[in-house]
Each structure stands twice: as structure tokens, then as C-alpha cells.
Amino acid sequence: VLKPGGQAKIYPLFEWRYLRFKNPQLKDLLRKFDIQQ
């Protein structure tokens, strides 16, 4: 549903680098976003 350049803002969370995902679909999907904290 997001436009190109559109943003999803999620709060709260800890540092992204500590997240370890196992689901390959989720990992592939996250590569389609730029992620900043």
C-alpha cells in the first residue's frame, strides 16, 4: 500500500542490529526497505 518513498514508522523497538530473523520470507521482504532508527 505504500507509495515509493513512503514510510512505515514503528515504535517502540530496540536496536535493529540485535534482531535475528529466521523466516526467509521476512528477511527477503525487509531488503525492500531502507531501515533507519
PDB file of all heavy atoms in Angstrom:
ATOM      1  N   VAL A   1       0.804  -1.222   0.000  1.00  0.00           N
ATOM      2  CA  VAL A   1       0.000   0.000   0.000  1.00  0.00           C
ATOM      3  C   VAL A   1       0.837   1.273   0.000  1.00  0.00           C
ATOM      4  O   VAL A   1       0.354   2.336  -0.387  1.00  0.00           O
ATOM      5  CB  VAL A   1      -0.993   0.036   1.186  1.00  0.00           C
ATOM      6  CG1 VAL A   1      -1.914  -1.172   1.148  1.00  0.00           C
ATOM      7  CG2 VAL A   1      -0.273   0.144   2.527  1.00  0.00           C
ATOM      8  N   LEU A   2       2.102   1.196   0.426  1.00  0.00           N
ATOM      9  CA  LEU A   2       2.938   2.396   0.474  1.00  0.00           C
ATOM     10  C   LEU A   2       3.347   2.850  -0.925  1.00  0.00           C
ATOM     11  O   LEU A   2       3.624   2.034  -1.808  1.00  0.00           O
ATOM     12  CB  LEU A   2       4.196   2.144   1.301  1.00  0.00           C
ATOM     13  CG  LEU A   2       4.049   2.149   2.817  1.00  0.00           C
ATOM     14  CD1 LEU A   2       5.340   1.664   3.466  1.00  0.00           C
ATOM     15  CD2 LEU A   2       3.690   3.553   3.340  1.00  0.00           C
ATOM     16  N   LYS A   3       3.418   4.164  -1.089  1.00  0.00           N
ATOM     17  CA  LYS A   3       3.981   4.725  -2.305  1.00  0.00           C
ATOM     18  C   LYS A   3       5.494   4.502  -2.304  1.00  0.00           C
ATOM     19  O   LYS A   3       6.098   4.320  -1.238  1.00  0.00           O
ATOM     20  CB  LYS A   3       3.705   6.231  -2.363  1.00  0.00           C
ATOM     21  CG  LYS A   3       2.237   6.605  -2.436  1.00  0.00           C
ATOM     22  CD  LYS A   3       2.067   8.116  -2.412  1.00  0.00           C
ATOM     23  CE  LYS A   3       0.599   8.509  -2.488  1.00  0.00           C
ATOM     24  NZ  LYS A   3       0.419   9.987  -2.430  1.00  0.00           N
ATOM     25  N   PRO A   4       6.156   4.530  -3.459  1.00  0.00           N
ATOM     26  CA  PRO A   4       7.628   4.543  -3.454  1.00  0.00           C
ATOM     27  C   PRO A   4       8.121   5.730  -2.631  1.00  0.00           C
ATOM     28  O   PRO A   4       7.663   6.854  -2.817  1.00  0.00           O
ATOM     29  CB  PRO A   4       7.974   4.704  -4.933  1.00  0.00           C
ATOM     30  CG  PRO A   4       6.784   4.139  -5.657  1.00  0.00           C
ATOM     31  CD  PRO A   4       5.595   4.500  -4.819  1.00  0.00           C
ATOM     32  N   GLY A   5       9.006   5.464  -1.689  1.00  0.00           N
ATOM     33  CA  GLY A   5       9.460   6.512  -0.790  1.00  0.00           C
ATOM     34  C   GLY A   5       8.572   6.686   0.426  1.00  0.00           C
ATOM     35  O   GLY A   5       8.903   7.451   1.338  1.00  0.00           O
ATOM     36  N   GLY A   6       7.433   5.975   0.472  1.00  0.00           N
ATOM     37  CA  GLY A   6       6.557   6.027   1.637  1.00  0.00           C
ATOM     38  C   GLY A   6       7.195   5.337   2.829  1.00  0.00           C
ATOM     39  O   GLY A   6       8.092   4.488   2.673  1.00  0.00           O
ATOM     40  N   GLN A   7       6.730   5.684   4.012  1.00  0.00           N
ATOM     41  CA  GLN A   7       7.383   5.193   5.227  1.00  0.00           C
ATOM     42  C   GLN A   7       6.413   4.512   6.177  1.00  0.00           C
ATOM     43  O   GLN A   7       5.267   4.942   6.330  1.00  0.00           O
ATOM     44  CB  GLN A   7       8.055   6.358   5.968  1.00  0.00           C
ATOM     45  CG  GLN A   7       9.192   6.999   5.203  1.00  0.00           C
ATOM     46  CD  GLN A   7       9.870   8.094   5.993  1.00  0.00           C
ATOM     47  OE1 GLN A   7       9.241   8.795   6.782  1.00  0.00           O
ATOM     48  NE2 GLN A   7      11.176   8.258   5.789  1.00  0.00           N
ATOM     49  N   ALA A   8       6.914   3.452   6.820  1.00  0.00           N
ATOM     50  CA  ALA A   8       6.224   2.833   7.947  1.00  0.00           C
ATOM     51  C   ALA A   8       7.046   3.139   9.187  1.00  0.00           C
ATOM     52  O   ALA A   8       8.231   2.791   9.259  1.00  0.00           O
ATOM     53  CB  ALA A   8       6.090   1.332   7.747  1.00  0.00           C
ATOM     54  N   LYS A   9       6.435   3.804  10.162  1.00  0.00           N
ATOM     55  CA  LYS A   9       7.130   4.207  11.384  1.00  0.00           C
ATOM     56  C   LYS A   9       6.648   3.320  12.524  1.00  0.00           C
ATOM     57  O   LYS A   9       5.453   3.296  12.836  1.00  0.00           O
ATOM     58  CB  LYS A   9       6.859   5.676  11.684  1.00  0.00           C
ATOM     59  CG  LYS A   9       7.382   6.625  10.616  1.00  0.00           C
ATOM     60  CD  LYS A   9       7.128   8.076  10.992  1.00  0.00           C
ATOM     61  CE  LYS A   9       7.736   9.033   9.969  1.00  0.00           C
ATOM     62  NZ  LYS A   9       7.527  10.445  10.347  1.00  0.00           N
ATOM     63  N   ILE A  10       7.597   2.613  13.146  1.00  0.00           N
ATOM     64  CA  ILE A  10       7.269   1.621  14.162  1.00  0.00           C
ATOM     65  C   ILE A  10       7.951   1.995  15.477  1.00  0.00           C
ATOM     66  O   ILE A  10       9.159   2.262  15.521  1.00  0.00           O
ATOM     67  CB  ILE A  10       7.718   0.222  13.711  1.00  0.00           C
ATOM     68  CG1 ILE A  10       7.011  -0.161  12.396  1.00  0.00           C
ATOM     69  CG2 ILE A  10       7.451  -0.814  14.786  1.00  0.00           C
ATOM     70  CD1 ILE A  10       7.587  -1.395  11.741  1.00  0.00           C
ATOM     71  N   TYR A  11       7.180   1.993  16.543  1.00  0.00           N
ATOM     72  CA  TYR A  11       7.693   2.331  17.882  1.00  0.00           C
ATOM     73  C   TYR A  11       6.926   1.498  18.899  1.00  0.00           C
ATOM     74  O   TYR A  11       5.722   1.289  18.739  1.00  0.00           O
ATOM     75  CB  TYR A  11       7.471   3.824  18.145  1.00  0.00           C
ATOM     76  CG  TYR A  11       7.713   4.233  19.591  1.00  0.00           C
ATOM     77  CD1 TYR A  11       8.970   4.645  20.010  1.00  0.00           C
ATOM     78  CD2 TYR A  11       6.688   4.191  20.523  1.00  0.00           C
ATOM     79  CE1 TYR A  11       9.200   5.000  21.323  1.00  0.00           C
ATOM     80  CE2 TYR A  11       6.909   4.544  21.841  1.00  0.00           C
ATOM     81  CZ  TYR A  11       8.157   4.949  22.240  1.00  0.00           C
ATOM     82  OH  TYR A  11       8.387   5.295  23.546  1.00  0.00           O
ATOM     83  N   PRO A  12       7.568   1.011  19.949  1.00  0.00           N
ATOM     84  CA  PRO A  12       8.992   1.075  20.270  1.00  0.00           C
ATOM     85  C   PRO A  12       9.720  -0.171  19.757  1.00  0.00           C
ATOM     86  O   PRO A  12       9.111  -1.135  19.337  1.00  0.00           O
ATOM     87  CB  PRO A  12       8.978   1.098  21.795  1.00  0.00           C
ATOM     88  CG  PRO A  12       7.791   0.228  22.148  1.00  0.00           C
ATOM     89  CD  PRO A  12       6.771   0.466  21.064  1.00  0.00           C
ATOM     90  N   LEU A  13      11.045  -0.135  19.875  1.00  0.00           N
ATOM     91  CA  LEU A  13      11.878  -1.274  19.499  1.00  0.00           C
ATOM     92  C   LEU A  13      13.278  -1.023  20.046  1.00  0.00           C
ATOM     93  O   LEU A  13      13.607   0.111  20.408  1.00  0.00           O
ATOM     94  CB  LEU A  13      11.914  -1.436  17.972  1.00  0.00           C
ATOM     95  CG  LEU A  13      12.448  -2.758  17.399  1.00  0.00           C
ATOM     96  CD1 LEU A  13      11.663  -3.949  17.935  1.00  0.00           C
ATOM     97  CD2 LEU A  13      12.394  -2.744  15.883  1.00  0.00           C
ATOM     98  N   PHE A  14      14.066  -2.100  20.148  1.00  0.00           N
ATOM     99  CA  PHE A  14      15.471  -1.869  20.468  1.00  0.00           C
ATOM    100  C   PHE A  14      16.265  -1.770  19.173  1.00  0.00           C
ATOM    101  O   PHE A  14      15.684  -1.680  18.096  1.00  0.00           O
ATOM    102  CB  PHE A  14      16.038  -2.918  21.410  1.00  0.00           C
ATOM    103  CG  PHE A  14      15.715  -4.351  21.103  1.00  0.00           C
ATOM    104  CD1 PHE A  14      15.815  -4.870  19.821  1.00  0.00           C
ATOM    105  CD2 PHE A  14      15.328  -5.196  22.116  1.00  0.00           C
ATOM    106  CE1 PHE A  14      15.543  -6.193  19.550  1.00  0.00           C
ATOM    107  CE2 PHE A  14      15.051  -6.535  21.864  1.00  0.00           C
ATOM    108  CZ  PHE A  14      15.152  -7.029  20.589  1.00  0.00           C
ATOM    109  N   GLU A  15      17.587  -1.761  19.277  1.00  0.00           N
ATOM    110  CA  GLU A  15      18.406  -1.547  18.084  1.00  0.00           C
ATOM    111  C   GLU A  15      18.200  -2.684  17.082  1.00  0.00           C
ATOM    112  O   GLU A  15      18.204  -3.864  17.436  1.00  0.00           O
ATOM    113  CB  GLU A  15      19.880  -1.458  18.465  1.00  0.00           C
ATOM    114  CG  GLU A  15      20.254  -0.150  19.138  1.00  0.00           C
ATOM    115  CD  GLU A  15      21.744  -0.043  19.356  1.00  0.00           C
ATOM    116  OE1 GLU A  15      22.442   0.366  18.403  1.00  0.00           O
ATOM    117  OE2 GLU A  15      22.215  -0.375  20.460  1.00  0.00           O
ATOM    118  N   TRP A  16      18.036  -2.314  15.840  1.00  0.00           N
ATOM    119  CA  TRP A  16      17.742  -3.259  14.775  1.00  0.00           C
ATOM    120  C   TRP A  16      18.827  -4.318  14.636  1.00  0.00           C
ATOM    121  O   TRP A  16      18.556  -5.476  14.320  1.00  0.00           O
ATOM    122  CB  TRP A  16      17.571  -2.495  13.454  1.00  0.00           C
ATOM    123  CG  TRP A  16      16.992  -3.324  12.365  1.00  0.00           C
ATOM    124  CD1 TRP A  16      17.659  -3.949  11.351  1.00  0.00           C
ATOM    125  CD2 TRP A  16      15.605  -3.635  12.162  1.00  0.00           C
ATOM    126  NE1 TRP A  16      16.779  -4.619  10.528  1.00  0.00           N
ATOM    127  CE2 TRP A  16      15.515  -4.433  11.014  1.00  0.00           C
ATOM    128  CE3 TRP A  16      14.432  -3.292  12.843  1.00  0.00           C
ATOM    129  CZ2 TRP A  16      14.303  -4.915  10.534  1.00  0.00           C
ATOM    130  CZ3 TRP A  16      13.225  -3.769  12.357  1.00  0.00           C
ATOM    131  CH2 TRP A  16      13.169  -4.573  11.225  1.00  0.00           C
ATOM    132  N   ARG A  17      20.063  -3.944  14.889  1.00  0.00           N
ATOM    133  CA  ARG A  17      21.186  -4.881  14.686  1.00  0.00           C
ATOM    134  C   ARG A  17      21.112  -6.081  15.625  1.00  0.00           C
ATOM    135  O   ARG A  17      21.778  -7.090  15.396  1.00  0.00           O
ATOM    136  CB  ARG A  17      22.523  -4.159  14.877  1.00  0.00           C
ATOM    137  CG  ARG A  17      22.764  -3.597  16.267  1.00  0.00           C
ATOM    138  CD  ARG A  17      23.962  -2.662  16.267  1.00  0.00           C
ATOM    139  NE  ARG A  17      24.151  -1.984  17.547  1.00  0.00           N
ATOM    140  CZ  ARG A  17      25.200  -2.163  18.333  1.00  0.00           C
ATOM    141  NH1 ARG A  17      26.162  -2.994  17.977  1.00  0.00           N
ATOM    142  NH2 ARG A  17      25.301  -1.488  19.461  1.00  0.00           N
ATOM    143  N   TYR A  18      20.292  -5.989  16.680  1.00  0.00           N
ATOM    144  CA  TYR A  18      20.169  -7.117  17.602  1.00  0.00           C
ATOM    145  C   TYR A  18      19.063  -8.091  17.199  1.00  0.00           C
ATOM    146  O   TYR A  18      18.908  -9.145  17.824  1.00  0.00           O
ATOM    147  CB  TYR A  18      19.913  -6.602  19.019  1.00  0.00           C
ATOM    148  CG  TYR A  18      21.103  -5.896  19.624  1.00  0.00           C
ATOM    149  CD1 TYR A  18      20.977  -4.601  20.132  1.00  0.00           C
ATOM    150  CD2 TYR A  18      22.349  -6.511  19.671  1.00  0.00           C
ATOM    151  CE1 TYR A  18      22.070  -3.939  20.670  1.00  0.00           C
ATOM    152  CE2 TYR A  18      23.450  -5.849  20.203  1.00  0.00           C
ATOM    153  CZ  TYR A  18      23.304  -4.568  20.706  1.00  0.00           C
ATOM    154  OH  TYR A  18      24.388  -3.921  21.234  1.00  0.00           O
ATOM    155  N   LEU A  19      18.285  -7.751  16.193  1.00  0.00           N
ATOM    156  CA  LEU A  19      17.223  -8.641  15.747  1.00  0.00           C
ATOM    157  C   LEU A  19      17.792  -9.740  14.862  1.00  0.00           C
ATOM    158  O   LEU A  19      18.596  -9.482  13.960  1.00  0.00           O
ATOM    159  CB  LEU A  19      16.157  -7.861  14.980  1.00  0.00           C
ATOM    160  CG  LEU A  19      15.319  -6.885  15.820  1.00  0.00           C
ATOM    161  CD1 LEU A  19      14.455  -6.025  14.930  1.00  0.00           C
ATOM    162  CD2 LEU A  19      14.462  -7.634  16.828  1.00  0.00           C
ATOM    163  N   ARG A  20      17.386 -10.954  15.101  1.00  0.00           N
ATOM    164  CA  ARG A  20      17.837 -12.101  14.317  1.00  0.00           C
ATOM    165  C   ARG A  20      16.604 -12.847  13.815  1.00  0.00           C
ATOM    166  O   ARG A  20      15.909 -13.512  14.579  1.00  0.00           O
ATOM    167  CB  ARG A  20      18.707 -13.035  15.177  1.00  0.00           C
ATOM    168  CG  ARG A  20      19.991 -12.406  15.684  1.00  0.00           C
ATOM    169  CD  ARG A  20      20.971 -12.156  14.548  1.00  0.00           C
ATOM    170  NE  ARG A  20      22.234 -11.611  15.037  1.00  0.00           N
ATOM    171  CZ  ARG A  20      22.488 -10.315  15.159  1.00  0.00           C
ATOM    172  NH1 ARG A  20      21.548  -9.433  14.828  1.00  0.00           N
ATOM    173  NH2 ARG A  20      23.650  -9.885  15.613  1.00  0.00           N
ATOM    174  N   PHE A  21      16.334 -12.718  12.518  1.00  0.00           N
ATOM    175  CA  PHE A  21      15.149 -13.342  11.944  1.00  0.00           C
ATOM    176  C   PHE A  21      15.513 -14.675  11.303  1.00  0.00           C
ATOM    177  O   PHE A  21      16.564 -14.824  10.686  1.00  0.00           O
ATOM    178  CB  PHE A  21      14.527 -12.421  10.895  1.00  0.00           C
ATOM    179  CG  PHE A  21      14.068 -11.103  11.442  1.00  0.00           C
ATOM    180  CD1 PHE A  21      14.681  -9.918  11.050  1.00  0.00           C
ATOM    181  CD2 PHE A  21      13.037 -11.040  12.357  1.00  0.00           C
ATOM    182  CE1 PHE A  21      14.259  -8.702  11.548  1.00  0.00           C
ATOM    183  CE2 PHE A  21      12.606  -9.826  12.864  1.00  0.00           C
ATOM    184  CZ  PHE A  21      13.220  -8.657  12.459  1.00  0.00           C
ATOM    185  N   LYS A  22      14.609 -15.645  11.409  1.00  0.00           N
ATOM    186  CA  LYS A  22      14.802 -16.956  10.802  1.00  0.00           C
ATOM    187  C   LYS A  22      13.941 -17.140   9.557  1.00  0.00           C
ATOM    188  O   LYS A  22      14.299 -17.907   8.665  1.00  0.00           O
ATOM    189  CB  LYS A  22      14.476 -18.051  11.819  1.00  0.00           C
ATOM    190  CG  LYS A  22      15.383 -18.054  13.044  1.00  0.00           C
ATOM    191  CD  LYS A  22      14.987 -19.156  14.010  1.00  0.00           C
ATOM    192  CE  LYS A  22      15.896 -19.159  15.241  1.00  0.00           C
ATOM    193  NZ  LYS A  22      15.491 -20.205  16.212  1.00  0.00           N
ATOM    194  N   ASN A  23      12.814 -16.464   9.508  1.00  0.00           N
ATOM    195  CA  ASN A  23      11.880 -16.633   8.408  1.00  0.00           C
ATOM    196  C   ASN A  23      12.467 -16.047   7.122  1.00  0.00           C
ATOM    197  O   ASN A  23      12.704 -14.844   7.029  1.00  0.00           O
ATOM    198  CB  ASN A  23      10.554 -15.936   8.754  1.00  0.00           C
ATOM    199  CG  ASN A  23       9.481 -16.148   7.714  1.00  0.00           C
ATOM    200  OD1 ASN A  23       9.665 -15.841   6.545  1.00  0.00           O
ATOM    201  ND2 ASN A  23       8.345 -16.668   8.147  1.00  0.00           N
ATOM    202  N   PRO A  24      12.732 -16.870   6.085  1.00  0.00           N
ATOM    203  CA  PRO A  24      13.360 -16.352   4.855  1.00  0.00           C
ATOM    204  C   PRO A  24      12.483 -15.337   4.127  1.00  0.00           C
ATOM    205  O   PRO A  24      12.998 -14.402   3.506  1.00  0.00           O
ATOM    206  CB  PRO A  24      13.589 -17.603   4.013  1.00  0.00           C
ATOM    207  CG  PRO A  24      12.648 -18.624   4.565  1.00  0.00           C
ATOM    208  CD  PRO A  24      12.515 -18.324   6.024  1.00  0.00           C
ATOM    209  N   GLN A  25      11.179 -15.520   4.194  1.00  0.00           N
ATOM    210  CA  GLN A  25      10.267 -14.583   3.545  1.00  0.00           C
ATOM    211  C   GLN A  25      10.376 -13.207   4.183  1.00  0.00           C
ATOM    212  O   GLN A  25      10.418 -12.182   3.492  1.00  0.00           O
ATOM    213  CB  GLN A  25       8.836 -15.096   3.642  1.00  0.00           C
ATOM    214  CG  GLN A  25       7.801 -14.216   2.949  1.00  0.00           C
ATOM    215  CD  GLN A  25       6.396 -14.765   3.110  1.00  0.00           C
ATOM    216  OE1 GLN A  25       6.175 -15.844   3.644  1.00  0.00           O
ATOM    217  NE2 GLN A  25       5.422 -14.001   2.648  1.00  0.00           N
ATOM    218  N   LEU A  26      10.446 -13.180   5.506  1.00  0.00           N
ATOM    219  CA  LEU A  26      10.567 -11.912   6.223  1.00  0.00           C
ATOM    220  C   LEU A  26      11.902 -11.248   5.907  1.00  0.00           C
ATOM    221  O   LEU A  26      11.963 -10.032   5.654  1.00  0.00           O
ATOM    222  CB  LEU A  26      10.424 -12.154   7.727  1.00  0.00           C
ATOM    223  CG  LEU A  26      10.591 -10.936   8.634  1.00  0.00           C
ATOM    224  CD1 LEU A  26       9.583  -9.843   8.306  1.00  0.00           C
ATOM    225  CD2 LEU A  26      10.475 -11.345  10.107  1.00  0.00           C
ATOM    226  N   LYS A  27      12.978 -12.016   5.898  1.00  0.00           N
ATOM    227  CA  LYS A  27      14.297 -11.443   5.618  1.00  0.00           C
ATOM    228  C   LYS A  27      14.363 -10.861   4.207  1.00  0.00           C
ATOM    229  O   LYS A  27      14.927  -9.782   3.992  1.00  0.00           O
ATOM    230  CB  LYS A  27      15.377 -12.514   5.823  1.00  0.00           C
ATOM    231  CG  LYS A  27      15.573 -12.913   7.275  1.00  0.00           C
ATOM    232  CD  LYS A  27      16.837 -13.716   7.497  1.00  0.00           C
ATOM    233  CE  LYS A  27      16.745 -15.097   6.942  1.00  0.00           C
ATOM    234  NZ  LYS A  27      17.932 -15.927   7.306  1.00  0.00           N
ATOM    235  N   ASP A  28      13.775 -11.555   3.241  1.00  0.00           N
ATOM    236  CA  ASP A  28      13.762 -11.057   1.869  1.00  0.00           C
ATOM    237  C   ASP A  28      12.924  -9.785   1.759  1.00  0.00           C
ATOM    238  O   ASP A  28      13.290  -8.839   1.055  1.00  0.00           O
ATOM    239  CB  ASP A  28      13.217 -12.141   0.941  1.00  0.00           C
ATOM    240  CG  ASP A  28      13.193 -11.691  -0.511  1.00  0.00           C
ATOM    241  OD1 ASP A  28      14.282 -11.465  -1.073  1.00  0.00           O
ATOM    242  OD2 ASP A  28      12.096 -11.559  -1.075  1.00  0.00           O
ATOM    243  N   LEU A  29      11.816  -9.763   2.468  1.00  0.00           N
ATOM    244  CA  LEU A  29      10.924  -8.613   2.437  1.00  0.00           C
ATOM    245  C   LEU A  29      11.592  -7.368   2.998  1.00  0.00           C
ATOM    246  O   LEU A  29      11.471  -6.262   2.444  1.00  0.00           O
ATOM    247  CB  LEU A  29       9.663  -8.945   3.244  1.00  0.00           C
ATOM    248  CG  LEU A  29       8.575  -7.892   3.334  1.00  0.00           C
ATOM    249  CD1 LEU A  29       7.997  -7.609   1.954  1.00  0.00           C
ATOM    250  CD2 LEU A  29       7.482  -8.358   4.278  1.00  0.00           C
ATOM    251  N   LEU A  30      12.327  -7.520   4.083  1.00  0.00           N
ATOM    252  CA  LEU A  30      12.967  -6.371   4.724  1.00  0.00           C
ATOM    253  C   LEU A  30      14.030  -5.734   3.826  1.00  0.00           C
ATOM    254  O   LEU A  30      14.343  -4.552   3.998  1.00  0.00           O
ATOM    255  CB  LEU A  30      13.572  -6.803   6.058  1.00  0.00           C
ATOM    256  CG  LEU A  30      12.548  -7.093   7.166  1.00  0.00           C
ATOM    257  CD1 LEU A  30      13.208  -7.778   8.361  1.00  0.00           C
ATOM    258  CD2 LEU A  30      11.848  -5.807   7.610  1.00  0.00           C
ATOM    259  N   ARG A  31      14.560  -6.480   2.876  1.00  0.00           N
ATOM    260  CA  ARG A  31      15.542  -5.921   1.953  1.00  0.00           C
ATOM    261  C   ARG A  31      14.913  -4.907   0.993  1.00  0.00           C
ATOM    262  O   ARG A  31      15.626  -4.169   0.314  1.00  0.00           O
ATOM    263  CB  ARG A  31      16.206  -7.040   1.155  1.00  0.00           C
ATOM    264  CG  ARG A  31      17.026  -8.013   1.999  1.00  0.00           C
ATOM    265  CD  ARG A  31      17.804  -8.985   1.133  1.00  0.00           C
ATOM    266  NE  ARG A  31      18.454 -10.008   1.939  1.00  0.00           N
ATOM    267  CZ  ARG A  31      17.991 -11.249   2.101  1.00  0.00           C
ATOM    268  NH1 ARG A  31      16.878 -11.603   1.475  1.00  0.00           N
ATOM    269  NH2 ARG A  31      18.631 -12.122   2.851  1.00  0.00           N
ATOM    270  N   LYS A  32      13.602  -4.857   0.970  1.00  0.00           N
ATOM    271  CA  LYS A  32      12.898  -3.931   0.082  1.00  0.00           C
ATOM    272  C   LYS A  32      12.633  -2.586   0.747  1.00  0.00           C
ATOM    273  O   LYS A  32      11.979  -1.719   0.175  1.00  0.00           O
ATOM    274  CB  LYS A  32      11.592  -4.574  -0.391  1.00  0.00           C
ATOM    275  CG  LYS A  32      11.824  -5.860  -1.170  1.00  0.00           C
ATOM    276  CD  LYS A  32      10.535  -6.541  -1.581  1.00  0.00           C
ATOM    277  CE  LYS A  32      10.828  -7.851  -2.312  1.00  0.00           C
ATOM    278  NZ  LYS A  32       9.588  -8.562  -2.703  1.00  0.00           N
ATOM    279  N   PHE A  33      13.139  -2.443   1.979  1.00  0.00           N
ATOM    280  CA  PHE A  33      13.029  -1.193   2.715  1.00  0.00           C
ATOM    281  C   PHE A  33      14.413  -0.677   3.085  1.00  0.00           C
ATOM    282  O   PHE A  33      15.330  -1.472   3.338  1.00  0.00           O
ATOM    283  CB  PHE A  33      12.253  -1.389   4.029  1.00  0.00           C
ATOM    284  CG  PHE A  33      10.805  -1.746   3.881  1.00  0.00           C
ATOM    285  CD1 PHE A  33      10.386  -3.067   3.930  1.00  0.00           C
ATOM    286  CD2 PHE A  33       9.842  -0.745   3.726  1.00  0.00           C
ATOM    287  CE1 PHE A  33       9.054  -3.399   3.828  1.00  0.00           C
ATOM    288  CE2 PHE A  33       8.497  -1.078   3.632  1.00  0.00           C
ATOM    289  CZ  PHE A  33       8.095  -2.400   3.679  1.00  0.00           C
ATOM    290  N   ASP A  34      14.564   0.625   3.143  1.00  0.00           N
ATOM    291  CA  ASP A  34      15.687   1.237   3.847  1.00  0.00           C
ATOM    292  C   ASP A  34      15.254   1.377   5.301  1.00  0.00           C
ATOM    293  O   ASP A  34      14.136   1.840   5.577  1.00  0.00           O
ATOM    294  CB  ASP A  34      16.015   2.611   3.271  1.00  0.00           C
ATOM    295  CG  ASP A  34      16.663   2.526   1.897  1.00  0.00           C
ATOM    296  OD1 ASP A  34      17.410   1.566   1.660  1.00  0.00           O
ATOM    297  OD2 ASP A  34      16.399   3.415   1.069  1.00  0.00           O
ATOM    298  N   ILE A  35      16.118   0.996   6.234  1.00  0.00           N
ATOM    299  CA  ILE A  35      15.735   0.972   7.645  1.00  0.00           C
ATOM    300  C   ILE A  35      16.647   1.905   8.430  1.00  0.00           C
ATOM    301  O   ILE A  35      17.869   1.774   8.396  1.00  0.00           O
ATOM    302  CB  ILE A  35      15.816  -0.460   8.212  1.00  0.00           C
ATOM    303  CG1 ILE A  35      14.887  -1.383   7.415  1.00  0.00           C
ATOM    304  CG2 ILE A  35      15.448  -0.470   9.692  1.00  0.00           C
ATOM    305  CD1 ILE A  35      15.047  -2.852   7.738  1.00  0.00           C
ATOM    306  N   GLN A  36      16.036   2.854   9.131  1.00  0.00           N
ATOM    307  CA  GLN A  36      16.775   3.785   9.975  1.00  0.00           C
ATOM    308  C   GLN A  36      16.121   3.853  11.346  1.00  0.00           C
ATOM    309  O   GLN A  36      14.892   3.676  11.468  1.00  0.00           O
ATOM    310  CB  GLN A  36      16.813   5.175   9.354  1.00  0.00           C
ATOM    311  CG  GLN A  36      17.615   5.253   8.062  1.00  0.00           C
ATOM    312  CD  GLN A  36      17.742   6.675   7.549  1.00  0.00           C
ATOM    313  OE1 GLN A  36      16.820   7.481   7.654  1.00  0.00           O
ATOM    314  NE2 GLN A  36      18.895   6.991   6.985  1.00  0.00           N
ATOM    315  N   GLN A  37      16.928   4.142  12.353  1.00  0.00           N
ATOM    316  CA  GLN A  37      16.405   4.247  13.713  1.00  0.00           C
ATOM    317  C   GLN A  37      16.862   5.537  14.375  1.00  0.00           C
ATOM    318  O   GLN A  37      17.964   6.034  14.126  1.00  0.00           O
ATOM    319  CB  GLN A  37      16.873   3.054  14.558  1.00  0.00           C
ATOM    320  CG  GLN A  37      16.188   1.749  14.184  1.00  0.00           C
ATOM    321  CD  GLN A  37      16.480   0.653  15.185  1.00  0.00           C
ATOM    322  OE1 GLN A  37      17.636   0.304  15.423  1.00  0.00           O
ATOM    323  NE2 GLN A  37      15.439   0.106  15.779  1.00  0.00           N
TER     324      GLN A  37
END
